[in-house]
């Protein structure tokens, strides 16, 4: 079956969507195979980047440097502490990325876990690991602010 551009449906699916094409799709196409493939690729790339950064940090921390000057030693220790805090944040993000990939496989990706409504393409582009719609996230943050949940 040929599409408007003359390409077969398989050729159209083989070429990944751009963000512009993704945003231009009608709401009725929400979380179709092409969109899920786009987000799977984006999440896989994010996962790979995080794992690469972790490897770089591990190698960097193994490089022991003996620095006799206490000020230089303190600077190096502070840089290592900052790097470890960054990797800890990335470790938490990695868990969310992997959960999002599981959600794609189960067919629940892109849908608010609180309301069941679509999260929305623009929000998922900004935060591919989002599990709540913008409205549900705002309600959650308001409750946390008011009640300290």
N, C-alpha and C. Protein backbone atom coordinates (compact mmCIF):
# COMPACT_ATOMS: atom_id res chain seq x y z
N UNK A 1 0.85 -1.18 0.00
CA UNK A 1 0.00 0.00 0.00
C UNK A 1 0.89 1.24 0.00
N UNK A 2 0.68 2.15 -0.94
CA UNK A 2 1.50 3.36 -1.04
C UNK A 2 0.85 4.50 -0.26
N UNK A 3 1.70 5.31 0.35
CA UNK A 3 1.23 6.50 1.04
C UNK A 3 1.17 7.66 0.07
N UNK A 4 0.76 8.83 0.56
CA UNK A 4 0.64 10.01 -0.32
C UNK A 4 1.95 10.34 -1.03
N UNK A 5 3.07 10.10 -0.34
CA UNK A 5 4.37 10.44 -0.93
C UNK A 5 4.86 9.37 -1.90
N UNK A 6 4.08 8.26 -2.04
CA UNK A 6 4.48 7.22 -2.94
C UNK A 6 5.28 6.13 -2.25
N UNK A 7 5.65 6.33 -1.00
CA UNK A 7 6.39 5.31 -0.26
C UNK A 7 5.42 4.26 0.26
N UNK A 8 5.93 3.07 0.44
CA UNK A 8 5.09 2.04 1.03
C UNK A 8 4.96 2.32 2.53
N UNK A 9 3.98 1.69 3.14
CA UNK A 9 3.76 1.88 4.58
C UNK A 9 4.99 1.42 5.37
N UNK A 10 5.64 0.34 4.92
CA UNK A 10 6.82 -0.16 5.61
C UNK A 10 7.97 0.84 5.55
N UNK A 11 8.15 1.49 4.39
CA UNK A 11 9.20 2.49 4.27
C UNK A 11 8.94 3.67 5.18
N UNK A 12 7.68 4.07 5.30
CA UNK A 12 7.34 5.19 6.18
C UNK A 12 7.63 4.85 7.63
N UNK A 13 7.39 3.60 8.02
CA UNK A 13 7.64 3.21 9.39
C UNK A 13 9.13 3.04 9.66
N UNK A 14 9.91 2.69 8.64
CA UNK A 14 11.35 2.49 8.83
C UNK A 14 12.06 3.81 9.12
N UNK A 15 11.55 4.90 8.58
CA UNK A 15 12.16 6.21 8.80
C UNK A 15 11.61 6.79 10.11
N UNK A 16 12.50 7.07 11.07
CA UNK A 16 12.00 7.59 12.34
C UNK A 16 11.36 8.97 12.18
N UNK A 17 10.38 9.22 13.01
CA UNK A 17 9.70 10.51 13.00
C UNK A 17 10.61 11.60 13.56
N UNK A 18 10.38 12.81 13.12
CA UNK A 18 11.04 13.96 13.73
C UNK A 18 10.08 14.52 14.78
N UNK A 19 10.58 15.39 15.65
CA UNK A 19 9.70 16.02 16.65
C UNK A 19 8.59 16.80 15.96
N UNK A 20 8.93 17.49 14.87
CA UNK A 20 7.93 18.28 14.15
C UNK A 20 6.82 17.40 13.60
N UNK A 21 7.20 16.27 13.00
CA UNK A 21 6.21 15.33 12.47
C UNK A 21 5.35 14.74 13.60
N UNK A 22 5.99 14.47 14.71
CA UNK A 22 5.29 13.92 15.87
C UNK A 22 4.23 14.90 16.37
N UNK A 23 4.61 16.17 16.49
CA UNK A 23 3.68 17.19 16.97
C UNK A 23 2.56 17.47 15.97
N UNK A 24 2.82 17.23 14.69
CA UNK A 24 1.83 17.52 13.65
C UNK A 24 0.78 16.41 13.52
N UNK A 25 1.00 15.28 14.16
CA UNK A 25 0.07 14.16 14.03
C UNK A 25 -1.25 14.48 14.74
N UNK A 26 -2.36 13.99 14.20
CA UNK A 26 -3.66 14.24 14.84
C UNK A 26 -3.78 13.50 16.17
N UNK A 27 -4.64 14.02 17.05
CA UNK A 27 -4.85 13.40 18.35
C UNK A 27 -5.31 11.95 18.23
N UNK A 28 -6.01 11.64 17.15
CA UNK A 28 -6.51 10.27 16.95
C UNK A 28 -5.36 9.27 16.77
N UNK A 29 -4.16 9.75 16.44
CA UNK A 29 -2.99 8.89 16.26
C UNK A 29 -2.18 8.75 17.55
N UNK A 30 -2.68 9.27 18.66
CA UNK A 30 -1.92 9.29 19.91
C UNK A 30 -1.44 7.89 20.30
N UNK A 31 -0.15 7.79 20.52
CA UNK A 31 0.55 6.58 20.93
C UNK A 31 0.38 5.43 19.94
N UNK A 32 0.43 5.81 18.65
CA UNK A 32 0.44 4.77 17.61
C UNK A 32 1.85 4.15 17.55
N UNK A 33 2.04 3.18 16.69
CA UNK A 33 3.32 2.46 16.62
C UNK A 33 4.50 3.38 16.32
N UNK A 34 4.30 4.34 15.42
CA UNK A 34 5.39 5.26 15.05
C UNK A 34 5.78 6.14 16.23
N UNK A 35 4.79 6.62 16.97
CA UNK A 35 5.08 7.44 18.14
C UNK A 35 5.77 6.62 19.23
N UNK A 36 5.28 5.43 19.46
CA UNK A 36 5.92 4.56 20.46
C UNK A 36 7.35 4.24 20.06
N UNK A 37 7.59 4.02 18.78
CA UNK A 37 8.95 3.76 18.30
C UNK A 37 9.84 4.98 18.52
N UNK A 38 9.31 6.18 18.28
CA UNK A 38 10.06 7.41 18.51
C UNK A 38 10.50 7.50 19.97
N UNK A 39 9.55 7.29 20.90
CA UNK A 39 9.88 7.41 22.32
C UNK A 39 10.75 6.25 22.79
N UNK A 40 10.57 5.06 22.24
CA UNK A 40 11.44 3.93 22.60
C UNK A 40 12.88 4.27 22.22
N UNK A 41 13.08 4.81 21.01
CA UNK A 41 14.42 5.19 20.56
C UNK A 41 15.01 6.27 21.46
N UNK A 42 14.19 7.26 21.80
CA UNK A 42 14.66 8.36 22.65
C UNK A 42 15.05 7.84 24.03
N UNK A 43 14.24 6.98 24.59
CA UNK A 43 14.52 6.43 25.92
C UNK A 43 15.74 5.51 25.89
N UNK A 44 15.88 4.72 24.84
CA UNK A 44 17.05 3.84 24.71
C UNK A 44 18.34 4.67 24.63
N UNK A 45 18.28 5.77 23.89
CA UNK A 45 19.45 6.65 23.78
C UNK A 45 19.79 7.27 25.13
N UNK A 46 18.77 7.72 25.86
CA UNK A 46 18.97 8.29 27.19
C UNK A 46 19.57 7.24 28.12
N UNK A 47 19.06 6.02 28.06
CA UNK A 47 19.58 4.93 28.88
C UNK A 47 21.06 4.70 28.57
N UNK A 48 21.40 4.67 27.28
CA UNK A 48 22.79 4.45 26.87
C UNK A 48 23.69 5.59 27.34
N UNK A 49 23.22 6.82 27.24
CA UNK A 49 24.00 7.98 27.69
C UNK A 49 24.28 7.90 29.19
N UNK A 50 23.28 7.52 29.97
CA UNK A 50 23.45 7.41 31.42
C UNK A 50 24.47 6.33 31.75
N UNK A 51 24.36 5.18 31.09
CA UNK A 51 25.30 4.08 31.35
C UNK A 51 26.72 4.46 30.94
N UNK A 52 26.85 5.18 29.84
CA UNK A 52 28.17 5.65 29.41
C UNK A 52 28.77 6.60 30.44
N UNK A 53 27.95 7.55 30.92
CA UNK A 53 28.42 8.50 31.94
C UNK A 53 28.86 7.78 33.20
N UNK A 54 28.13 6.74 33.59
CA UNK A 54 28.50 5.98 34.79
C UNK A 54 29.86 5.32 34.61
N UNK A 55 30.10 4.78 33.42
CA UNK A 55 31.39 4.16 33.14
C UNK A 55 32.53 5.15 33.18
N UNK A 56 32.30 6.34 32.62
CA UNK A 56 33.31 7.39 32.63
C UNK A 56 33.63 7.80 34.07
N UNK A 57 32.59 7.95 34.89
CA UNK A 57 32.79 8.33 36.29
C UNK A 57 33.59 7.27 37.03
N UNK A 58 33.25 6.01 36.80
CA UNK A 58 33.97 4.93 37.46
C UNK A 58 35.46 4.98 37.11
N UNK A 59 35.75 5.15 35.84
CA UNK A 59 37.15 5.24 35.42
C UNK A 59 37.83 6.48 36.01
N UNK A 60 37.11 7.58 36.04
CA UNK A 60 37.67 8.83 36.55
C UNK A 60 38.00 8.70 38.04
N UNK A 61 37.11 8.06 38.79
CA UNK A 61 37.35 7.91 40.23
C UNK A 61 38.46 6.90 40.53
N UNK A 62 38.70 5.97 39.62
CA UNK A 62 39.79 5.00 39.81
C UNK A 62 41.16 5.63 39.63
N UNK A 63 41.19 6.72 38.89
CA UNK A 63 42.47 7.41 38.66
C UNK A 63 42.84 8.15 39.94
N UNK A 64 43.58 7.49 40.78
CA UNK A 64 43.96 8.12 42.05
C UNK A 64 45.08 9.12 41.78
N UNK A 65 44.87 10.27 42.34
CA UNK A 65 45.85 11.33 42.17
C UNK A 65 46.40 11.70 43.54
N UNK A 66 47.71 11.63 43.66
CA UNK A 66 48.31 12.11 44.91
C UNK A 66 48.72 13.55 44.71
N UNK A 67 48.08 14.40 45.47
CA UNK A 67 48.36 15.83 45.37
C UNK A 67 48.80 16.30 46.75
N UNK A 68 50.02 16.77 46.86
CA UNK A 68 50.51 17.17 48.19
C UNK A 68 49.83 18.43 48.73
N UNK A 69 49.38 19.32 47.87
CA UNK A 69 48.78 20.57 48.34
C UNK A 69 47.37 20.31 48.86
N UNK A 70 47.08 20.66 50.12
CA UNK A 70 45.75 20.42 50.69
C UNK A 70 44.62 21.13 49.93
N UNK A 71 44.86 22.30 49.41
CA UNK A 71 43.83 23.04 48.67
C UNK A 71 43.49 22.31 47.37
N UNK A 72 44.51 21.83 46.68
CA UNK A 72 44.27 21.08 45.44
C UNK A 72 43.54 19.77 45.74
N UNK A 73 43.95 19.11 46.83
CA UNK A 73 43.32 17.85 47.22
C UNK A 73 41.84 18.09 47.55
N UNK A 74 41.54 19.17 48.23
CA UNK A 74 40.15 19.50 48.57
C UNK A 74 39.33 19.78 47.32
N UNK A 75 39.92 20.45 46.36
CA UNK A 75 39.23 20.73 45.09
C UNK A 75 38.90 19.42 44.37
N UNK A 76 39.85 18.52 44.32
CA UNK A 76 39.63 17.23 43.65
C UNK A 76 38.54 16.44 44.36
N UNK A 77 38.57 16.44 45.70
CA UNK A 77 37.55 15.71 46.46
C UNK A 77 36.16 16.32 46.24
N UNK A 78 36.09 17.62 46.14
CA UNK A 78 34.80 18.28 45.89
C UNK A 78 34.29 17.95 44.48
N UNK A 79 35.19 17.91 43.51
CA UNK A 79 34.80 17.52 42.15
C UNK A 79 34.28 16.09 42.13
N UNK A 80 34.93 15.20 42.86
CA UNK A 80 34.47 13.81 42.93
C UNK A 80 33.10 13.72 43.60
N UNK A 81 32.90 14.49 44.66
CA UNK A 81 31.61 14.47 45.36
C UNK A 81 30.49 14.97 44.43
N UNK A 82 30.78 16.02 43.67
CA UNK A 82 29.79 16.55 42.72
C UNK A 82 29.48 15.51 41.64
N UNK A 83 30.51 14.86 41.15
CA UNK A 83 30.33 13.85 40.12
C UNK A 83 29.48 12.69 40.65
N UNK A 84 29.72 12.29 41.89
CA UNK A 84 28.94 11.20 42.49
C UNK A 84 27.48 11.60 42.70
N UNK A 85 27.23 12.85 43.10
CA UNK A 85 25.84 13.32 43.25
C UNK A 85 25.13 13.33 41.90
N UNK A 86 25.84 13.75 40.86
CA UNK A 86 25.26 13.76 39.52
C UNK A 86 24.94 12.34 39.08
N UNK A 87 25.85 11.38 39.31
CA UNK A 87 25.59 9.99 38.93
C UNK A 87 24.44 9.42 39.74
N UNK A 88 24.28 9.84 41.00
CA UNK A 88 23.16 9.35 41.81
C UNK A 88 21.83 9.81 41.22
N UNK A 89 21.77 11.06 40.77
CA UNK A 89 20.56 11.56 40.10
C UNK A 89 20.31 10.78 38.81
N UNK A 90 21.38 10.51 38.07
CA UNK A 90 21.24 9.75 36.83
C UNK A 90 20.81 8.31 37.11
N UNK A 91 21.26 7.73 38.23
CA UNK A 91 20.84 6.38 38.60
C UNK A 91 19.33 6.33 38.81
N UNK A 92 18.81 7.36 39.48
CA UNK A 92 17.36 7.45 39.69
C UNK A 92 16.63 7.64 38.36
N UNK A 93 17.20 8.46 37.48
CA UNK A 93 16.61 8.67 36.16
C UNK A 93 16.65 7.38 35.35
N UNK A 94 17.74 6.62 35.46
CA UNK A 94 17.85 5.36 34.74
C UNK A 94 16.71 4.41 35.11
N UNK A 95 16.37 4.38 36.37
CA UNK A 95 15.26 3.53 36.82
C UNK A 95 13.95 3.98 36.16
N UNK A 96 13.74 5.29 36.07
CA UNK A 96 12.52 5.81 35.43
C UNK A 96 12.53 5.52 33.93
N UNK A 97 13.69 5.62 33.30
CA UNK A 97 13.80 5.32 31.87
C UNK A 97 13.45 3.86 31.63
N UNK A 98 13.98 2.98 32.45
CA UNK A 98 13.70 1.56 32.28
C UNK A 98 12.23 1.25 32.54
N UNK A 99 11.62 1.93 33.51
CA UNK A 99 10.18 1.76 33.76
C UNK A 99 9.38 2.25 32.56
N UNK A 100 9.80 3.35 31.95
CA UNK A 100 9.10 3.87 30.77
C UNK A 100 9.19 2.90 29.60
N UNK A 101 10.35 2.28 29.42
CA UNK A 101 10.50 1.29 28.35
C UNK A 101 9.57 0.09 28.60
N UNK A 102 9.44 -0.31 29.84
CA UNK A 102 8.52 -1.40 30.20
C UNK A 102 7.08 -0.98 29.91
N UNK A 103 6.76 0.28 30.18
CA UNK A 103 5.40 0.78 29.91
C UNK A 103 5.11 0.79 28.41
N UNK A 104 6.10 1.11 27.59
CA UNK A 104 5.92 1.05 26.14
C UNK A 104 5.57 -0.38 25.73
N UNK A 105 6.31 -1.33 26.27
CA UNK A 105 6.07 -2.74 25.94
C UNK A 105 4.70 -3.21 26.40
N UNK A 106 4.21 -2.67 27.53
CA UNK A 106 2.92 -3.12 28.07
C UNK A 106 1.74 -2.32 27.51
N UNK A 107 2.03 -1.25 26.75
CA UNK A 107 0.96 -0.46 26.15
C UNK A 107 0.39 0.62 27.04
N UNK A 108 1.05 0.92 28.16
CA UNK A 108 0.55 1.95 29.07
C UNK A 108 1.32 3.26 28.98
N UNK A 109 2.35 3.31 28.14
CA UNK A 109 3.16 4.52 28.01
C UNK A 109 2.34 5.65 27.39
N UNK A 110 2.50 6.85 27.94
CA UNK A 110 1.84 8.03 27.38
C UNK A 110 0.50 8.33 28.01
N UNK A 111 0.07 7.48 28.94
CA UNK A 111 -1.22 7.66 29.59
C UNK A 111 -1.00 7.95 31.06
N UNK A 112 -1.70 8.94 31.59
CA UNK A 112 -1.56 9.35 32.98
C UNK A 112 -1.92 8.20 33.91
N UNK A 113 -1.03 7.87 34.83
CA UNK A 113 -1.30 6.75 35.74
C UNK A 113 -2.34 7.11 36.80
N UNK A 114 -2.65 8.38 36.93
CA UNK A 114 -3.65 8.81 37.91
C UNK A 114 -5.05 8.93 37.29
N UNK A 115 -5.12 9.51 36.10
CA UNK A 115 -6.42 9.80 35.49
C UNK A 115 -6.74 8.92 34.27
N UNK A 116 -5.72 8.31 33.67
CA UNK A 116 -5.94 7.53 32.45
C UNK A 116 -6.01 8.38 31.19
N UNK A 117 -5.88 9.68 31.34
CA UNK A 117 -5.92 10.60 30.20
C UNK A 117 -4.55 10.64 29.51
N UNK A 118 -4.51 11.06 28.25
CA UNK A 118 -3.21 11.21 27.57
C UNK A 118 -2.31 12.22 28.28
N UNK A 119 -1.05 11.90 28.41
CA UNK A 119 -0.08 12.84 28.99
C UNK A 119 0.20 13.96 28.01
N UNK A 120 0.25 13.63 26.73
CA UNK A 120 0.46 14.63 25.69
C UNK A 120 1.86 14.57 25.11
N UNK A 121 1.94 14.71 23.81
CA UNK A 121 3.22 14.65 23.10
C UNK A 121 4.18 15.75 23.56
N UNK A 122 3.73 17.03 23.67
CA UNK A 122 4.69 18.06 24.09
C UNK A 122 5.32 17.76 25.47
N UNK A 123 4.53 17.28 26.40
CA UNK A 123 5.05 16.96 27.73
C UNK A 123 6.03 15.77 27.66
N UNK A 124 5.69 14.77 26.87
CA UNK A 124 6.58 13.62 26.75
C UNK A 124 7.87 13.98 26.02
N UNK A 125 7.81 14.92 25.10
CA UNK A 125 9.04 15.39 24.46
C UNK A 125 9.94 16.09 25.48
N UNK A 126 9.33 16.87 26.36
CA UNK A 126 10.10 17.59 27.37
C UNK A 126 10.61 16.64 28.46
N UNK A 127 9.77 15.66 28.83
CA UNK A 127 10.11 14.71 29.89
C UNK A 127 9.61 13.33 29.49
N UNK A 128 10.44 12.57 28.77
CA UNK A 128 9.99 11.28 28.25
C UNK A 128 9.63 10.25 29.33
N UNK A 129 10.02 10.51 30.57
CA UNK A 129 9.71 9.57 31.66
C UNK A 129 8.47 9.99 32.44
N UNK A 130 7.75 11.00 31.97
CA UNK A 130 6.56 11.47 32.68
C UNK A 130 5.52 10.36 32.77
N UNK A 131 4.91 10.25 33.95
CA UNK A 131 3.84 9.26 34.14
C UNK A 131 2.52 9.92 34.49
N UNK A 132 2.56 11.25 34.65
CA UNK A 132 1.35 12.00 34.99
C UNK A 132 1.13 13.10 33.96
N UNK A 133 -0.15 13.40 33.69
CA UNK A 133 -0.45 14.55 32.85
C UNK A 133 -0.02 15.81 33.61
N UNK A 134 0.07 16.90 32.90
CA UNK A 134 0.48 18.16 33.53
C UNK A 134 -0.46 18.53 34.67
N UNK A 135 -1.75 18.37 34.45
CA UNK A 135 -2.74 18.72 35.48
C UNK A 135 -2.59 17.84 36.71
N UNK A 136 -2.43 16.54 36.51
CA UNK A 136 -2.26 15.61 37.63
C UNK A 136 -0.96 15.90 38.38
N UNK A 137 0.11 16.24 37.66
CA UNK A 137 1.38 16.58 38.29
C UNK A 137 1.24 17.85 39.13
N UNK A 138 0.54 18.84 38.59
CA UNK A 138 0.33 20.09 39.34
C UNK A 138 -0.48 19.82 40.61
N UNK A 139 -1.51 18.97 40.51
CA UNK A 139 -2.30 18.62 41.71
C UNK A 139 -1.43 17.92 42.75
N UNK A 140 -0.60 17.00 42.30
CA UNK A 140 0.29 16.28 43.22
C UNK A 140 1.25 17.24 43.91
N UNK A 141 1.83 18.15 43.14
CA UNK A 141 2.77 19.12 43.73
C UNK A 141 2.06 20.04 44.71
N UNK A 142 0.81 20.43 44.41
CA UNK A 142 0.04 21.28 45.32
C UNK A 142 -0.23 20.54 46.63
N UNK A 143 -0.61 19.26 46.55
CA UNK A 143 -0.85 18.45 47.75
C UNK A 143 0.43 18.34 48.57
N UNK A 144 1.56 18.11 47.91
CA UNK A 144 2.82 18.00 48.61
C UNK A 144 3.17 19.31 49.33
N UNK A 145 2.88 20.41 48.66
CA UNK A 145 3.17 21.72 49.24
C UNK A 145 2.27 21.98 50.46
N UNK A 146 0.99 21.62 50.33
CA UNK A 146 0.06 21.88 51.42
C UNK A 146 0.19 20.91 52.58
N UNK A 147 0.39 19.63 52.26
CA UNK A 147 0.34 18.60 53.30
C UNK A 147 1.67 17.92 53.57
N UNK A 148 2.66 18.25 52.79
CA UNK A 148 3.98 17.67 52.99
C UNK A 148 4.03 16.17 52.72
N UNK A 149 3.18 15.70 51.78
CA UNK A 149 3.15 14.26 51.44
C UNK A 149 4.46 13.82 50.87
